[in-house]
Amino acid sequence: MKKIFEQKNSGYIAVVTSVILGMLMLMIAVTLSLSSFGSRLNNLDFYNKQTSYFVALSCLDKTLLELSKDSNYGGDATTTVDSFECFAFPIEIDGNNKIIKSRSRVNGATTNLLLTIESETLSTISLEEVGKF
């Protein structure tokens, strides 16, 4: 009689062990899947920010080009770069310097660039990214 009882317990232990191991393997698979999904989103955010930065930089270049043609150019223009848009704010004058601001948004990533140039030579004094204008 004792031998029959032992046989039932050994099967029960095998089933419980396989269920626990299966759940453990499922948890590992889900964890790896979520971490790879998260890194994909981080890469997408990086790409959007990088694209936004270079579109805003292109806006500054376009404004510099217009200033080289006409020293009285005032900015305040929207420029399309590929399928993205950027905006150059009105040019500000600070002594012998001109301050050019541009903004670009790409899929939620925003870049605000502030370029300070020497008025006569159009040489760059500083270029910085700022949070807000």
C-alpha atoms as a PDB file:
ATOM      1  CA  MET A   1       0.000   0.000   0.000  1.00  0.00           C
ATOM      2  CA  LYS A   2       2.820   2.366   0.816  1.00  0.00           C
ATOM      3  CA  LYS A   3       4.420   1.768  -2.599  1.00  0.00           C
ATOM      4  CA  ILE A   4       1.312   2.981  -4.515  1.00  0.00           C
ATOM      5  CA  PHE A   5       1.266   6.245  -2.544  1.00  0.00           C
ATOM      6  CA  GLU A   6       4.926   6.949  -3.378  1.00  0.00           C
ATOM      7  CA  GLN A   7       4.291   6.461  -7.101  1.00  0.00           C
ATOM      8  CA  LYS A   8       1.531   9.089  -7.106  1.00  0.00           C
ATOM      9  CA  ASN A   9       3.764  11.674  -5.383  1.00  0.00           C
ATOM     10  CA  SER A  10       6.645  11.214  -7.795  1.00  0.00           C
ATOM     11  CA  GLY A  11       4.446  12.043 -10.809  1.00  0.00           C
ATOM     12  CA  TYR A  12       3.018  15.058  -9.013  1.00  0.00           C
ATOM     13  CA  ILE A  13       6.507  16.366  -8.269  1.00  0.00           C
ATOM     14  CA  ALA A  14       7.519  15.993 -11.930  1.00  0.00           C
ATOM     15  CA  VAL A  15       4.450  17.939 -13.132  1.00  0.00           C
ATOM     16  CA  VAL A  16       4.966  20.762 -10.600  1.00  0.00           C
ATOM     17  CA  THR A  17       8.673  20.980 -11.495  1.00  0.00           C
ATOM     18  CA  SER A  18       7.939  21.197 -15.222  1.00  0.00           C
ATOM     19  CA  VAL A  19       5.278  23.894 -14.644  1.00  0.00           C
ATOM     20  CA  ILE A  20       7.702  25.956 -12.524  1.00  0.00           C
ATOM     21  CA  LEU A  21      10.496  25.586 -15.100  1.00  0.00           C
ATOM     22  CA  GLY A  22       8.095  26.524 -17.900  1.00  0.00           C
ATOM     23  CA  MET A  23       7.006  29.666 -16.049  1.00  0.00           C
ATOM     24  CA  LEU A  24      10.634  30.578 -15.383  1.00  0.00           C
ATOM     25  CA  MET A  25      11.517  30.208 -19.062  1.00  0.00           C
ATOM     26  CA  LEU A  26       8.474  32.272 -20.043  1.00  0.00           C
ATOM     27  CA  MET A  27       9.510  35.069 -17.660  1.00  0.00           C
ATOM     28  CA  ILE A  28      13.028  35.109 -19.134  1.00  0.00           C
ATOM     29  CA  ALA A  29      11.633  35.268 -22.687  1.00  0.00           C
ATOM     30  CA  VAL A  30       9.270  38.132 -21.810  1.00  0.00           C
ATOM     31  CA  THR A  31      12.062  40.062 -20.075  1.00  0.00           C
ATOM     32  CA  LEU A  32      14.378  39.743 -23.082  1.00  0.00           C
ATOM     33  CA  SER A  33      11.593  40.736 -25.439  1.00  0.00           C
ATOM     34  CA  LEU A  34      10.725  43.873 -23.459  1.00  0.00           C
ATOM     35  CA  SER A  35      14.357  44.953 -23.160  1.00  0.00           C
ATOM     36  CA  SER A  36      14.842  44.679 -26.924  1.00  0.00           C
ATOM     37  CA  PHE A  37      11.613  46.624 -27.516  1.00  0.00           C
ATOM     38  CA  GLY A  38      12.803  49.369 -25.144  1.00  0.00           C
ATOM     39  CA  SER A  39      16.152  49.683 -26.898  1.00  0.00           C
ATOM     40  CA  ARG A  40      14.349  49.993 -30.224  1.00  0.00           C
ATOM     41  CA  LEU A  41      12.359  52.952 -28.885  1.00  0.00           C
ATOM     42  CA  ASN A  42      15.553  54.575 -27.572  1.00  0.00           C
ATOM     43  CA  ASN A  43      17.155  54.235 -31.012  1.00  0.00           C
ATOM     44  CA  LEU A  44      14.095  55.820 -32.620  1.00  0.00           C
ATOM     45  CA  ASP A  45      14.205  58.759 -30.174  1.00  0.00           C
ATOM     46  CA  PHE A  46      17.901  59.246 -30.929  1.00  0.00           C
ATOM     47  CA  TYR A  47      17.238  59.219 -34.674  1.00  0.00           C
ATOM     48  CA  ASN A  48      14.414  61.776 -34.331  1.00  0.00           C
ATOM     49  CA  LYS A  49      16.568  64.090 -32.192  1.00  0.00           C
ATOM     50  CA  GLN A  50      19.509  63.806 -34.580  1.00  0.00           C
ATOM     51  CA  THR A  51      17.276  64.531 -37.580  1.00  0.00           C
ATOM     52  CA  SER A  52      15.722  67.494 -35.780  1.00  0.00           C
ATOM     53  CA  TYR A  53      19.179  68.901 -34.984  1.00  0.00           C
ATOM     54  CA  PHE A  54      20.403  68.710 -38.570  1.00  0.00           C
ATOM     55  CA  VAL A  55      17.184  70.171 -39.985  1.00  0.00           C
ATOM     56  CA  ALA A  56      17.514  73.146 -37.593  1.00  0.00           C
ATOM     57  CA  LEU A  57      21.164  73.482 -38.599  1.00  0.00           C
ATOM     58  CA  SER A  58      20.102  73.543 -42.253  1.00  0.00           C
ATOM     59  CA  CYS A  59      17.739  76.381 -41.415  1.00  0.00           C
ATOM     60  CA  LEU A  60      20.650  78.351 -39.971  1.00  0.00           C
ATOM     61  CA  ASP A  61      22.689  77.666 -43.100  1.00  0.00           C
ATOM     62  CA  LYS A  62      19.837  78.870 -45.305  1.00  0.00           C
ATOM     63  CA  THR A  63      19.594  82.067 -43.234  1.00  0.00           C
ATOM     64  CA  LEU A  64      23.363  82.615 -43.546  1.00  0.00           C
ATOM     65  CA  LEU A  65      23.073  82.156 -47.295  1.00  0.00           C
ATOM     66  CA  GLU A  66      20.330  84.769 -47.479  1.00  0.00           C
ATOM     67  CA  LEU A  67      22.397  87.139 -45.292  1.00  0.00           C
ATOM     68  CA  SER A  68      25.355  86.739 -47.638  1.00  0.00           C
ATOM     69  CA  LYS A  69      23.115  87.859 -50.525  1.00  0.00           C
ATOM     70  CA  ASP A  70      21.384  90.672 -48.618  1.00  0.00           C
ATOM     71  CA  SER A  71      22.808  92.107 -45.385  1.00  0.00           C
ATOM     72  CA  ASN A  72      19.353  93.474 -44.487  1.00  0.00           C
ATOM     73  CA  TYR A  73      17.678  90.052 -44.603  1.00  0.00           C
ATOM     74  CA  GLY A  74      15.425  89.737 -41.559  1.00  0.00           C
ATOM     75  CA  GLY A  75      14.866  86.000 -41.211  1.00  0.00           C
ATOM     76  CA  ASP A  76      11.346  84.997 -40.087  1.00  0.00           C
ATOM     77  CA  ALA A  77      11.084  82.196 -42.657  1.00  0.00           C
ATOM     78  CA  THR A  78      10.069  78.564 -42.840  1.00  0.00           C
ATOM     79  CA  THR A  79      12.349  76.204 -44.736  1.00  0.00           C
ATOM     80  CA  THR A  80      11.543  72.699 -45.939  1.00  0.00           C
ATOM     81  CA  VAL A  81      14.332  70.144 -45.811  1.00  0.00           C
ATOM     82  CA  ASP A  82      13.286  66.902 -47.457  1.00  0.00           C
ATOM     83  CA  SER A  83       9.933  66.243 -45.741  1.00  0.00           C
ATOM     84  CA  PHE A  84      10.766  68.190 -42.571  1.00  0.00           C
ATOM     85  CA  GLU A  85      10.256  71.855 -41.760  1.00  0.00           C
ATOM     86  CA  CYS A  86      12.209  74.309 -39.668  1.00  0.00           C
ATOM     87  CA  PHE A  87      11.587  77.890 -38.729  1.00  0.00           C
ATOM     88  CA  ALA A  88      14.130  80.728 -38.592  1.00  0.00           C
ATOM     89  CA  PHE A  89      13.024  83.439 -36.188  1.00  0.00           C
ATOM     90  CA  PRO A  90      13.562  87.133 -36.958  1.00  0.00           C
ATOM     91  CA  ILE A  91      17.243  88.028 -36.785  1.00  0.00           C
ATOM     92  CA  GLU A  92      18.263  90.035 -33.725  1.00  0.00           C
ATOM     93  CA  ILE A  93      21.071  92.607 -33.730  1.00  0.00           C
ATOM     94  CA  ASP A  94      23.350  92.874 -30.700  1.00  0.00           C
ATOM     95  CA  GLY A  95      26.084  95.457 -31.290  1.00  0.00           C
ATOM     96  CA  ASN A  96      28.325  94.146 -34.076  1.00  0.00           C
ATOM     97  CA  ASN A  97      26.726  90.711 -33.855  1.00  0.00           C
ATOM     98  CA  LYS A  98      23.602  89.131 -35.270  1.00  0.00           C
ATOM     99  CA  ILE A  99      21.706  86.392 -33.466  1.00  0.00           C
ATOM    100  CA  ILE A 100      19.903  83.797 -35.550  1.00  0.00           C
ATOM    101  CA  LYS A 101      17.468  81.356 -33.921  1.00  0.00           C
ATOM    102  CA  SER A 102      15.994  78.264 -35.538  1.00  0.00           C
ATOM    103  CA  ARG A 103      13.593  75.559 -34.401  1.00  0.00           C
ATOM    104  CA  SER A 104      12.831  72.144 -35.832  1.00  0.00           C
ATOM    105  CA  ARG A 105      10.424  69.427 -34.674  1.00  0.00           C
ATOM    106  CA  VAL A 106      10.657  65.850 -35.889  1.00  0.00           C
ATOM    107  CA  ASN A 107       8.198  63.316 -34.453  1.00  0.00           C
ATOM    108  CA  GLY A 108       8.147  64.965 -31.031  1.00  0.00           C
ATOM    109  CA  ALA A 109      11.876  65.740 -30.867  1.00  0.00           C
ATOM    110  CA  THR A 110      12.500  69.488 -30.818  1.00  0.00           C
ATOM    111  CA  THR A 111      15.778  71.310 -31.418  1.00  0.00           C
ATOM    112  CA  ASN A 112      16.272  75.020 -30.751  1.00  0.00           C
ATOM    113  CA  LEU A 113      19.555  76.400 -32.075  1.00  0.00           C
ATOM    114  CA  LEU A 114      21.006  79.824 -31.335  1.00  0.00           C
ATOM    115  CA  LEU A 115      23.745  81.075 -33.667  1.00  0.00           C
ATOM    116  CA  THR A 116      25.696  84.262 -32.969  1.00  0.00           C
ATOM    117  CA  ILE A 117      27.642  85.659 -35.921  1.00  0.00           C
ATOM    118  CA  GLU A 118      29.771  88.724 -36.623  1.00  0.00           C
ATOM    119  CA  SER A 119      27.627  91.093 -38.729  1.00  0.00           C
ATOM    120  CA  GLU A 120      30.140  92.044 -41.417  1.00  0.00           C
ATOM    121  CA  THR A 121      32.075  88.823 -42.021  1.00  0.00           C
ATOM    122  CA  LEU A 122      29.280  86.391 -41.066  1.00  0.00           C
ATOM    123  CA  SER A 123      31.839  84.363 -39.118  1.00  0.00           C
ATOM    124  CA  THR A 124      30.469  82.199 -36.323  1.00  0.00           C
ATOM    125  CA  ILE A 125      31.005  83.390 -32.784  1.00  0.00           C
ATOM    126  CA  SER A 126      28.964  80.695 -31.074  1.00  0.00           C
ATOM    127  CA  LEU A 127      26.443  77.960 -31.805  1.00  0.00           C
ATOM    128  CA  GLU A 128      24.454  76.406 -29.020  1.00  0.00           C
ATOM    129  CA  GLU A 129      21.355  74.363 -28.464  1.00  0.00           C
ATOM    130  CA  VAL A 130      18.958  75.929 -25.979  1.00  0.00           C
ATOM    131  CA  GLY A 131      15.869  74.589 -24.260  1.00  0.00           C
ATOM    132  CA  LYS A 132      13.560  77.486 -25.104  1.00  0.00           C
ATOM    133  CA  PHE A 133      13.741  80.895 -26.742  1.00  0.00           C
END
